[in-house]
Amino acid sequence: MTRSMPIPTNDLERIHNRAFDDILPGETASLQRTLTAQDIQLFALVSGDVNPLYVDPDFAATTQFNTVFAHGMWGGALISALIGTQLPGPGSVTLGQTLKFLAPVRIGDTLTVSVTVTARDEARQLLTLACSGINQEGCVVLEGESLVHAASEHIDVHRVSLPGIELRHSADGLNRLLQACQPLEPIRMAVVHPCDEVSFEAALDARDAGLIKPILIGPRDKLHALAAKGNHDLAGFTIEDVPHSHAAALRGAEMAREGQVEALMKGSLHTDELMSAVVPSAAQLRTKRRITHCFVMQTPFYPRPFIITDAAINIAPLLADKVDIVRNAIDLAHILGVSNPHVAILAAVETVNANMPATLDAAALCKMADRGQITGAVLDGPLAFDNAISLAAARIKGIQSPVSGKADILVVPDLESGNMLAKQLEYLGGAASAGIVLGAKVPIVLTSRADSREARIASCAIAVLVAHHYRVTPP
């Protein structure tokens, strides 16, 4: 008869075994684990098994399995952990094991693995253990048998403190952007009022990277003073001498309207001041689309770059505004090489709630995509943030979504939530970012005073890609 064994309680500091003489046939132990994408990736890194069935969602979607799943030996590793920590526990050695893998374990599945003593070899102190793994639906996904040598003495030791593991994906977005721009000629960019060291040097950095031919718009004396302070040579630079930031914004918009420049870049003036020169109908820079902002971000903890929109221009967008926010972001994703981006419409919950306008907007946007009013992407929403970026979170909540875990675009409910999300990812999540404004006849680099040199160069690189696209397909 099977019975649960009275194992001494292991805690965070100590770990105990069961000596061979204390173990009887029928005793059993189990542990439970929910599979995450990180579990699969870590196992692939340790084992070297990068079979795309396990690690490439796009490839797996073309197979009979439809999605990635755990390596079979991930379940075997859980059995090893159970033997080594509970039954028999510390001091035991597995001499042999046979396992059959009967069904895949997918991200979000909860696997309960168990071992049960079926035989004892007194002479050699060997235990035969029946092994099994059952998912949350009661399906047996693995079964087999282990032959284990158990220690004869009682063992009570301190639990070894292992180093933590932090799974970081490659964050080489800037290098890839620069590589994409390498075959393209530099564009003429108006740098509007670069009258502090950060914005002034950003223009020089972008020029030195071969991205832009900068036209500096601002008070000539201030620009020469900054050049002298930083020991920079302004020979060959075009300078538009204007008295102040307001005049610089107007002149930049005028040059864009007249086709003298293909992009604008914000200098040391406030965003509102620059955009107030661009947005009015008299500036003739508007298109049929609403002007919107996109953060292009890459964090070490997410496997692909992604776009957050709108986090800088539209404060409380209505549904009609969000349509253009989504369309502009889709266009940008296409320009960046994502042919069919996955768009997550974010809200606080994943269900439609009449008292939460963001969920209603999300449902409407998805229906518009179903009817062909929004094209070029896969939309889903409302999705809470965790369900948008984590397939495991979506599975645990029973959400079937084509976007979960592989969102390329995150559409936020309003500017405040988007701005906070982007800055949290940057300052707490180690994300690299770039900012671009779309919906005007030229791309606008809209950086913050706190942005890094890399962020400014990346933003200029995106502007180059957009400007060259506009040469072929005007907005």
Protein backbone atom coordinates (compact mmCIF):
# COMPACT_ATOMS: atom_id res chain seq x y z
CA MET A 1 0.00 0.00 0.00
CA THR A 2 1.30 3.41 -0.94
CA ARG A 3 1.80 5.88 1.88
CA SER A 4 3.39 9.29 2.20
CA MET A 5 6.66 9.05 4.08
CA PRO A 6 7.27 11.12 7.23
CA ILE A 7 10.18 13.13 5.84
CA PRO A 8 11.75 15.59 8.30
CA THR A 9 10.84 19.07 7.15
CA ASN A 10 13.56 20.65 5.02
CA ASP A 11 13.85 24.39 5.47
CA LEU A 12 15.70 27.26 3.85
CA GLU A 13 18.85 26.56 5.87
CA ARG A 14 19.05 22.78 6.35
CA ILE A 15 18.32 19.67 4.34
CA HIS A 16 17.76 16.08 5.60
CA ASN A 17 17.73 12.56 4.18
CA ARG A 18 16.06 9.22 4.88
CA ALA A 19 18.55 6.49 5.76
CA PHE A 20 18.15 3.19 3.87
CA ASP A 21 16.99 1.20 6.90
CA ASP A 22 14.18 3.69 7.57
CA ILE A 23 12.68 3.47 4.10
CA LEU A 24 9.87 1.01 3.39
CA PRO A 25 8.22 -0.05 0.12
CA GLY A 26 5.28 2.17 -0.75
CA GLU A 27 6.75 5.39 0.61
CA THR A 28 6.38 8.29 -1.79
CA ALA A 29 7.42 11.90 -2.22
CA SER A 30 6.55 14.58 -4.75
CA LEU A 31 7.26 18.13 -5.80
CA GLN A 32 5.48 20.58 -8.06
CA ARG A 33 6.78 23.08 -10.59
CA THR A 34 5.13 25.40 -13.15
CA LEU A 35 7.08 25.63 -16.40
CA THR A 36 8.19 29.09 -17.54
CA ALA A 37 9.88 30.27 -20.71
CA GLN A 38 12.97 30.98 -18.61
CA ASP A 39 13.08 27.33 -17.46
CA ILE A 40 13.25 26.21 -21.09
CA GLN A 41 15.88 28.79 -22.02
CA LEU A 42 18.09 28.00 -19.02
CA PHE A 43 17.89 24.26 -19.71
CA ALA A 44 18.83 24.92 -23.35
CA LEU A 45 21.80 27.05 -22.26
CA VAL A 46 23.07 24.46 -19.77
CA SER A 47 22.54 21.43 -22.02
CA GLY A 48 23.34 23.04 -25.36
CA ASP A 49 20.12 21.59 -26.78
CA VAL A 50 18.77 24.50 -28.83
CA ASN A 51 16.38 22.41 -30.92
CA PRO A 52 13.97 25.05 -32.30
CA LEU A 53 11.04 22.95 -31.11
CA TYR A 54 11.99 24.05 -27.61
CA VAL A 55 13.32 27.58 -28.04
CA ASP A 56 11.83 29.12 -31.21
CA PRO A 57 8.10 29.94 -30.92
CA ASP A 58 7.81 30.84 -34.60
CA PHE A 59 9.27 27.51 -35.70
CA ALA A 60 7.23 25.54 -33.18
CA ALA A 61 4.05 27.20 -34.43
CA THR A 62 4.58 25.50 -37.81
CA THR A 63 4.69 22.01 -36.25
CA GLN A 64 2.05 19.68 -34.88
CA PHE A 65 2.84 20.96 -31.38
CA ASN A 66 1.87 24.60 -32.25
CA THR A 67 4.03 26.03 -29.46
CA VAL A 68 7.33 25.46 -27.69
CA PHE A 69 7.50 22.91 -24.86
CA ALA A 70 10.00 21.66 -22.30
CA HIS A 71 12.87 19.36 -23.07
CA GLY A 72 11.91 15.88 -21.89
CA MET A 73 14.84 15.79 -19.51
CA TRP A 74 13.57 18.92 -17.76
CA GLY A 75 11.07 16.54 -16.15
CA GLY A 76 13.92 14.11 -15.57
CA ALA A 77 15.84 16.86 -13.79
CA LEU A 78 12.88 17.43 -11.46
CA ILE A 79 12.92 13.73 -10.59
CA SER A 80 16.65 14.01 -9.88
CA ALA A 81 15.94 16.96 -7.59
CA LEU A 82 13.26 14.99 -5.77
CA ILE A 83 15.59 12.01 -5.24
CA GLY A 84 18.47 14.20 -4.13
CA THR A 85 16.54 16.35 -1.69
CA GLN A 86 13.64 14.22 -0.37
CA LEU A 87 13.57 10.49 -1.11
CA PRO A 88 16.06 9.23 -0.17
CA GLY A 89 17.56 12.74 -0.01
CA PRO A 90 21.14 13.95 0.54
CA GLY A 91 23.83 11.30 0.09
CA SER A 92 21.83 9.24 -2.42
CA VAL A 93 23.24 8.32 -5.83
CA THR A 94 21.17 7.47 -8.90
CA LEU A 95 22.72 4.44 -10.63
CA GLY A 96 20.25 4.07 -13.45
CA GLN A 97 17.05 5.51 -14.82
CA THR A 98 14.56 4.78 -17.58
CA LEU A 99 11.94 7.32 -18.58
CA LYS A 100 9.19 7.52 -21.17
CA PHE A 101 7.93 10.96 -22.27
CA LEU A 102 4.26 10.59 -23.08
CA ALA A 103 3.06 14.15 -23.64
CA PRO A 104 4.62 17.63 -24.00
CA VAL A 105 4.89 20.03 -21.06
CA ARG A 106 4.05 23.53 -22.27
CA ILE A 107 4.77 26.93 -20.76
CA GLY A 108 2.30 27.53 -17.93
CA ASP A 109 1.74 23.80 -17.28
CA THR A 110 2.12 22.73 -13.65
CA LEU A 111 3.94 19.41 -13.37
CA THR A 112 3.76 17.21 -10.26
CA VAL A 113 6.59 14.67 -10.23
CA SER A 114 6.53 11.75 -7.81
CA VAL A 115 8.77 8.87 -6.79
CA THR A 116 7.50 5.77 -4.99
CA VAL A 117 9.58 2.98 -3.47
CA THR A 118 8.70 -0.32 -5.17
CA ALA A 119 11.60 -2.59 -4.08
CA ARG A 120 14.56 -2.79 -1.66
CA ASP A 121 17.89 -4.58 -2.14
CA GLU A 122 19.20 -5.03 1.42
CA ALA A 123 22.61 -6.38 0.42
CA ARG A 124 23.49 -3.41 -1.80
CA GLN A 125 21.30 -0.76 -0.13
CA LEU A 126 19.52 -0.11 -3.41
CA LEU A 127 16.01 1.25 -3.87
CA THR A 128 13.88 0.89 -6.94
CA LEU A 129 11.67 3.95 -7.41
CA ALA A 130 8.69 4.28 -9.72
CA CYS A 131 8.74 7.77 -11.24
CA SER A 132 5.91 9.76 -12.75
CA GLY A 133 4.99 13.27 -13.86
CA ILE A 134 1.38 14.47 -14.07
CA ASN A 135 0.22 17.85 -15.34
CA GLN A 136 -2.53 20.06 -13.93
CA GLU A 137 -5.15 18.26 -16.06
CA GLY A 138 -4.28 14.84 -14.65
CA CYS A 139 -2.45 13.75 -17.79
CA VAL A 140 0.61 11.54 -17.27
CA VAL A 141 3.40 13.22 -19.23
CA LEU A 142 6.31 11.03 -18.12
CA GLU A 143 6.84 7.73 -16.30
CA GLY A 144 9.71 5.40 -15.59
CA GLU A 145 11.95 3.88 -12.96
CA SER A 146 15.10 4.85 -11.06
CA LEU A 147 17.65 2.66 -9.30
CA VAL A 148 19.10 4.59 -6.37
CA HIS A 149 21.74 3.87 -3.74
CA ALA A 150 20.62 5.30 -0.40
CA ALA A 151 22.96 6.42 2.38
CA SER A 152 23.07 4.17 5.44
CA GLU A 153 23.51 7.03 7.93
CA HIS A 154 21.25 9.96 8.73
CA ILE A 155 22.39 13.18 7.06
CA ASP A 156 21.45 16.64 8.27
CA VAL A 157 23.42 19.40 6.57
CA HIS A 158 23.27 23.08 5.78
CA ARG A 159 21.64 23.77 2.45
CA VAL A 160 24.29 25.03 0.03
CA SER A 161 23.74 28.62 -1.06
CA LEU A 162 24.08 28.75 -4.83
CA PRO A 163 24.70 31.92 -6.85
CA GLY A 164 21.63 33.51 -8.38
CA ILE A 165 21.06 33.25 -12.11
CA GLU A 166 19.85 36.21 -14.13
CA LEU A 167 18.75 35.34 -17.66
CA ARG A 168 19.57 38.26 -19.96
CA HIS A 169 18.87 38.31 -23.66
CA SER A 170 21.30 40.03 -25.97
CA ALA A 171 20.69 43.77 -26.00
CA ASP A 172 22.59 44.78 -29.12
CA GLY A 173 19.83 46.91 -30.62
CA LEU A 174 22.01 49.96 -31.28
CA ASN A 175 24.57 47.94 -33.23
CA ARG A 176 21.84 46.36 -35.34
CA LEU A 177 20.28 49.76 -36.04
CA LEU A 178 23.63 51.15 -37.13
CA GLN A 179 24.20 48.12 -39.35
CA ALA A 180 20.78 48.63 -40.95
CA CYS A 181 21.68 52.28 -41.65
CA GLN A 182 25.17 51.54 -42.99
CA PRO A 183 24.17 51.24 -46.67
CA LEU A 184 22.00 54.38 -46.47
CA GLU A 185 23.28 57.88 -47.14
CA PRO A 186 23.12 60.37 -44.24
CA ILE A 187 19.99 62.51 -44.13
CA ARG A 188 19.75 66.25 -43.61
CA MET A 189 18.39 66.75 -40.11
CA ALA A 190 17.47 70.03 -38.45
CA VAL A 191 18.66 70.00 -34.84
CA VAL A 192 16.39 72.48 -33.12
CA HIS A 193 18.06 74.65 -30.47
CA PRO A 194 20.91 72.35 -29.38
CA CYS A 195 22.02 74.85 -26.77
CA ASP A 196 23.23 72.56 -24.02
CA GLU A 197 26.16 70.17 -24.06
CA VAL A 198 24.04 67.02 -24.23
CA SER A 199 21.95 67.95 -27.28
CA PHE A 200 24.86 69.71 -29.00
CA GLU A 201 27.12 66.68 -28.70
CA ALA A 202 24.28 64.36 -29.72
CA ALA A 203 24.20 66.09 -33.09
CA LEU A 204 27.95 65.62 -33.45
CA ASP A 205 27.74 61.97 -32.40
CA ALA A 206 25.03 61.23 -34.96
CA ARG A 207 27.09 62.96 -37.62
CA ASP A 208 30.22 61.02 -36.66
CA ALA A 209 28.19 57.79 -36.82
CA GLY A 210 27.43 58.60 -40.46
CA LEU A 211 23.71 59.01 -39.83
CA ILE A 212 22.96 62.70 -40.40
CA LYS A 213 24.13 65.93 -41.93
CA PRO A 214 23.09 68.24 -39.09
CA ILE A 215 21.75 71.75 -39.57
CA LEU A 216 22.07 73.48 -36.21
CA ILE A 217 19.27 75.95 -35.50
CA GLY A 218 19.92 78.33 -32.62
CA PRO A 219 21.77 81.47 -31.52
CA ARG A 220 25.11 81.38 -33.35
CA ASP A 221 27.05 82.75 -30.36
CA LYS A 222 25.74 80.02 -28.04
CA LEU A 223 26.57 77.31 -30.54
CA HIS A 224 30.14 78.56 -31.02
CA ALA A 225 30.55 78.83 -27.25
CA LEU A 226 29.50 75.20 -26.81
CA ALA A 227 31.86 74.14 -29.59
CA ALA A 228 34.75 75.98 -27.96
CA LYS A 229 33.96 74.50 -24.54
CA GLY A 230 34.03 70.97 -25.91
CA ASN A 231 36.93 71.63 -28.28
CA HIS A 232 34.74 70.87 -31.32
CA ASP A 233 35.32 72.22 -34.81
CA LEU A 234 32.18 73.62 -36.48
CA ALA A 235 33.86 73.94 -39.87
CA GLY A 236 31.50 72.53 -42.49
CA PHE A 237 28.42 72.79 -40.25
CA THR A 238 25.37 74.66 -41.46
CA ILE A 239 24.09 77.03 -38.77
CA GLU A 240 20.70 78.74 -38.89
CA ASP A 241 21.14 81.75 -36.63
CA VAL A 242 17.93 82.51 -34.71
CA PRO A 243 17.52 84.48 -31.47
CA HIS A 244 15.77 81.96 -29.22
CA SER A 245 14.19 78.53 -28.91
CA HIS A 246 10.75 79.57 -30.14
CA ALA A 247 12.25 80.95 -33.34
CA ALA A 248 14.34 77.79 -33.69
CA ALA A 249 11.22 75.60 -33.56
CA LEU A 250 9.48 77.71 -36.20
CA ARG A 251 12.54 77.67 -38.46
CA GLY A 252 12.90 73.90 -38.12
CA ALA A 253 9.27 73.38 -39.10
CA GLU A 254 9.72 75.76 -42.03
CA MET A 255 12.77 73.89 -43.31
CA ALA A 256 10.90 70.58 -43.04
CA ARG A 257 7.92 72.02 -44.91
CA GLU A 258 10.15 73.30 -47.71
CA GLY A 259 11.98 69.98 -48.03
CA GLN A 260 15.32 71.39 -46.89
CA VAL A 261 15.57 68.71 -44.20
CA GLU A 262 14.19 65.17 -43.94
CA ALA A 263 13.95 65.01 -40.16
CA LEU A 264 13.84 67.15 -37.03
CA MET A 265 15.61 66.55 -33.75
CA LYS A 266 14.69 68.17 -30.46
CA GLY A 267 17.50 70.04 -28.75
CA SER A 268 17.37 71.78 -25.38
CA LEU A 269 13.89 73.23 -25.78
CA HIS A 270 10.74 71.73 -24.28
CA THR A 271 8.75 69.15 -26.25
CA ASP A 272 5.64 71.35 -26.27
CA GLU A 273 7.58 74.22 -27.82
CA LEU A 274 8.85 72.11 -30.69
CA MET A 275 5.55 70.35 -31.32
CA SER A 276 3.60 73.63 -31.23
CA ALA A 277 5.54 74.61 -34.35
CA VAL A 278 4.85 71.28 -36.06
CA VAL A 279 1.21 70.51 -35.22
CA PRO A 280 -0.72 73.60 -36.50
CA SER A 281 -2.25 73.32 -39.96
CA ALA A 282 -0.30 76.39 -41.03
CA ALA A 283 2.93 74.43 -40.62
CA GLN A 284 1.75 72.09 -43.41
CA LEU A 285 3.50 69.13 -41.80
CA ARG A 286 0.38 67.18 -40.84
CA THR A 287 -0.68 64.02 -42.66
CA LYS A 288 -3.98 62.15 -42.53
CA ARG A 289 -2.67 60.40 -39.43
CA ARG A 290 -2.60 61.79 -35.92
CA ILE A 291 0.89 62.65 -34.71
CA THR A 292 2.02 60.01 -32.20
CA HIS A 293 5.14 58.92 -30.36
CA CYS A 294 6.85 55.54 -30.22
CA PHE A 295 9.46 54.33 -27.76
CA VAL A 296 11.54 51.57 -29.32
CA MET A 297 12.92 49.55 -26.41
CA GLN A 298 15.04 46.52 -25.74
CA THR A 299 15.47 45.01 -22.29
CA PRO A 300 17.84 42.16 -21.40
CA PHE A 301 14.90 40.27 -19.93
CA TYR A 302 12.72 40.07 -23.08
CA PRO A 303 13.79 38.21 -26.20
CA ARG A 304 12.99 40.91 -28.78
CA PRO A 305 12.91 44.67 -29.21
CA PHE A 306 9.44 46.17 -28.79
CA ILE A 307 7.54 49.43 -29.18
CA ILE A 308 5.62 51.28 -26.46
CA THR A 309 3.08 53.81 -27.70
CA ASP A 310 1.98 56.53 -27.02
CA ALA A 311 4.02 57.75 -24.08
CA ALA A 312 4.90 61.33 -25.02
CA ILE A 313 2.37 63.12 -27.26
CA ASN A 314 -1.26 62.10 -26.75
CA ILE A 315 -2.25 62.57 -23.13
CA ALA A 316 -5.64 60.85 -22.99
CA PRO A 317 -6.28 59.39 -26.44
CA LEU A 318 -9.78 58.48 -27.55
CA LEU A 319 -10.55 55.46 -29.68
CA ALA A 320 -10.05 57.35 -32.94
CA ASP A 321 -6.67 58.55 -31.69
CA LYS A 322 -5.65 55.02 -30.72
CA VAL A 323 -6.40 53.82 -34.23
CA ASP A 324 -3.66 56.10 -35.56
CA ILE A 325 -1.41 55.29 -32.60
CA VAL A 326 -1.64 51.61 -33.56
CA ARG A 327 -1.27 52.23 -37.31
CA ASN A 328 1.80 54.41 -36.85
CA ALA A 329 3.41 51.81 -34.60
CA ILE A 330 2.68 49.04 -37.11
CA ASP A 331 4.26 51.11 -39.88
CA LEU A 332 7.35 51.67 -37.74
CA ALA A 333 7.60 47.96 -36.96
CA HIS A 334 7.49 47.22 -40.70
CA ILE A 335 10.25 49.77 -41.34
CA LEU A 336 12.34 48.12 -38.61
CA GLY A 337 11.95 44.75 -40.32
CA VAL A 338 9.07 43.14 -38.39
CA SER A 339 6.78 42.04 -41.21
CA ASN A 340 3.78 40.97 -39.13
CA PRO A 341 4.08 42.53 -35.65
CA HIS A 342 2.09 41.28 -32.68
CA VAL A 343 0.23 44.14 -31.03
CA ALA A 344 -0.90 43.92 -27.39
CA ILE A 345 -3.56 46.44 -26.37
CA LEU A 346 -2.84 46.93 -22.68
CA ALA A 347 -5.26 47.44 -19.81
CA ALA A 348 -5.31 46.55 -16.14
CA VAL A 349 -7.28 43.37 -16.85
CA GLU A 350 -7.71 40.95 -19.71
CA THR A 351 -11.51 41.03 -19.81
CA VAL A 352 -13.82 43.66 -21.26
CA ASN A 353 -15.28 45.78 -18.47
CA ALA A 354 -17.80 48.52 -19.22
CA ASN A 355 -16.41 50.55 -16.31
CA MET A 356 -12.88 50.51 -17.75
CA PRO A 357 -12.73 52.46 -21.03
CA ALA A 358 -9.30 51.05 -21.92
CA THR A 359 -10.79 47.55 -22.19
CA LEU A 360 -13.58 48.79 -24.46
CA ASP A 361 -11.06 50.55 -26.70
CA ALA A 362 -8.97 47.39 -26.85
CA ALA A 363 -11.94 45.28 -27.89
CA ALA A 364 -12.92 47.82 -30.55
CA LEU A 365 -9.39 47.98 -31.97
CA CYS A 366 -9.23 44.20 -32.22
CA LYS A 367 -12.59 44.07 -33.98
CA MET A 368 -11.40 46.76 -36.39
CA ALA A 369 -8.42 44.54 -37.18
CA ASP A 370 -10.79 41.60 -37.74
CA ARG A 371 -12.74 43.72 -40.25
CA GLY A 372 -9.66 44.94 -42.10
CA GLN A 373 -9.75 48.50 -40.79
CA ILE A 374 -6.34 48.00 -39.20
CA THR A 375 -3.97 45.84 -41.23
CA GLY A 376 -0.43 44.55 -41.26
CA ALA A 377 -0.35 43.10 -37.75
CA VAL A 378 -1.91 40.66 -35.28
CA LEU A 379 -3.86 42.48 -32.56
CA ASP A 380 -5.15 41.19 -29.24
CA GLY A 381 -6.56 42.87 -26.17
CA PRO A 382 -7.39 43.82 -23.61
CA LEU A 383 -4.30 42.20 -22.12
CA ALA A 384 -2.75 42.95 -18.76
CA PHE A 385 0.97 43.62 -19.02
CA ASP A 386 1.99 40.22 -17.65
CA ASN A 387 -0.22 38.39 -20.13
CA ALA A 388 1.18 40.43 -23.01
CA ILE A 389 4.82 39.63 -22.35
CA SER A 390 4.61 36.23 -20.64
CA LEU A 391 3.09 33.16 -22.25
CA ALA A 392 3.33 31.40 -18.88
CA ALA A 393 1.24 34.08 -17.19
CA ALA A 394 -1.35 33.86 -19.94
CA ARG A 395 -1.54 30.06 -19.71
CA ILE A 396 -1.91 30.12 -15.93
CA LYS A 397 -4.86 32.48 -16.34
CA GLY A 398 -6.33 30.33 -19.12
CA ILE A 399 -5.84 33.01 -21.78
CA GLN A 400 -5.44 31.78 -25.34
CA SER A 401 -3.77 34.63 -27.20
CA PRO A 402 -1.71 34.78 -30.42
CA VAL A 403 0.14 37.77 -28.93
CA SER A 404 1.02 36.64 -25.39
CA GLY A 405 4.73 36.18 -24.88
CA LYS A 406 5.70 37.63 -28.25
CA ALA A 407 4.31 41.16 -28.31
CA ASP A 408 6.22 43.52 -30.60
CA ILE A 409 4.04 46.54 -29.82
CA LEU A 410 2.55 47.52 -26.46
CA VAL A 411 -0.30 50.03 -26.82
CA VAL A 412 -0.85 51.76 -23.49
CA PRO A 413 -4.14 53.30 -22.30
CA ASP A 414 -2.76 56.84 -21.92
CA LEU A 415 0.40 58.91 -21.80
CA GLU A 416 0.89 58.65 -18.05
CA SER A 417 0.83 54.85 -17.95
CA GLY A 418 3.05 54.62 -21.02
CA ASN A 419 5.59 57.10 -19.76
CA MET A 420 5.83 55.38 -16.38
CA LEU A 421 6.11 51.96 -18.02
CA ALA A 422 8.91 53.08 -20.35
CA LYS A 423 10.88 54.76 -17.58
CA GLN A 424 10.45 51.83 -15.20
CA LEU A 425 11.81 49.50 -17.86
CA GLU A 426 14.72 51.84 -18.49
CA TYR A 427 15.72 52.55 -14.90
CA LEU A 428 14.74 49.28 -13.19
CA GLY A 429 14.84 46.83 -16.07
CA GLY A 430 18.04 47.92 -17.80
CA ALA A 431 16.20 48.71 -21.05
CA ALA A 432 17.79 50.65 -23.89
CA SER A 433 15.40 53.03 -25.59
CA ALA A 434 14.97 55.33 -28.56
CA GLY A 435 12.17 57.78 -29.29
CA ILE A 436 10.56 58.85 -32.54
CA VAL A 437 7.48 60.89 -33.50
CA LEU A 438 5.43 59.73 -36.48
CA GLY A 439 2.37 61.08 -38.26
CA ALA A 440 4.11 64.21 -39.61
CA LYS A 441 5.67 64.51 -43.04
CA VAL A 442 9.11 64.02 -41.49
CA PRO A 443 10.21 61.88 -38.54
CA ILE A 444 10.96 63.80 -35.37
CA VAL A 445 13.59 62.65 -32.88
CA LEU A 446 12.12 63.44 -29.49
CA THR A 447 14.70 62.68 -26.84
CA SER A 448 14.72 63.53 -23.15
CA ARG A 449 17.36 65.61 -21.41
CA ALA A 450 18.14 62.53 -19.32
CA ASP A 451 18.63 60.23 -22.33
CA SER A 452 21.98 58.59 -22.82
CA ARG A 453 24.28 59.15 -25.78
CA GLU A 454 23.33 55.70 -27.07
CA ALA A 455 19.62 56.50 -26.89
CA ARG A 456 20.10 59.67 -28.93
CA ILE A 457 22.16 57.89 -31.58
CA ALA A 458 19.61 55.06 -31.74
CA SER A 459 16.80 57.59 -32.17
CA CYS A 460 18.66 59.22 -35.05
CA ALA A 461 19.23 55.80 -36.64
CA ILE A 462 15.49 55.11 -36.53
CA ALA A 463 14.83 58.53 -38.06
CA VAL A 464 17.22 57.66 -40.90
CA LEU A 465 15.35 54.42 -41.62
CA VAL A 466 11.99 56.22 -41.53
CA ALA A 467 13.20 59.10 -43.73
CA HIS A 468 14.54 56.73 -46.37
CA HIS A 469 11.25 54.84 -46.29
CA TYR A 470 9.38 58.12 -46.80
CA ARG A 471 11.43 58.78 -49.94
CA VAL A 472 9.76 55.76 -51.50
CA THR A 473 6.43 55.84 -49.64
CA PRO A 474 5.57 59.37 -48.50
CA PRO A 475 3.42 59.46 -45.34
